[in-house]
């Protein structure tokens, strides 16, 4: 399945705004590759979208939520002290299954959604990720 570049762009702009500034860190799980894009530079958002689309057909692609002030050294994904902006509050709610070692997880997606509802805030964005086999 070919990744939809428009959907990827819409996601990144919804999370970071239409004119983000900072380094977006992307990581692919299967090859453990890290790429950094300076979103303040001309064309960088386009490059990040193209990179995600190309990788998404074969890899699980993860985007850091916090943008980094500077490009992380080597293949680092950055660290908390380097974060220059956060788009808001978020929660990573996993569902029990083969992809997770933890046992104290909601058993179904519906149970996870019920857990989110207890926070009393309507999510502005929900991401349902699936593991590649």
Foldseek 3Di string as FASTA:
>chain_A
DFDDLVVVLVVVCVLQNPQHAAWKWKAWDPVRAIDIFGSNDPCRSVVVSVVCRVCVVPTDMDIDQFGFRDDDPDRDRDDDVRGDDGSDDDDDADADDPVDPDDPHHPDPVSSVVVVVVVVDDDPDDDDDDHDD
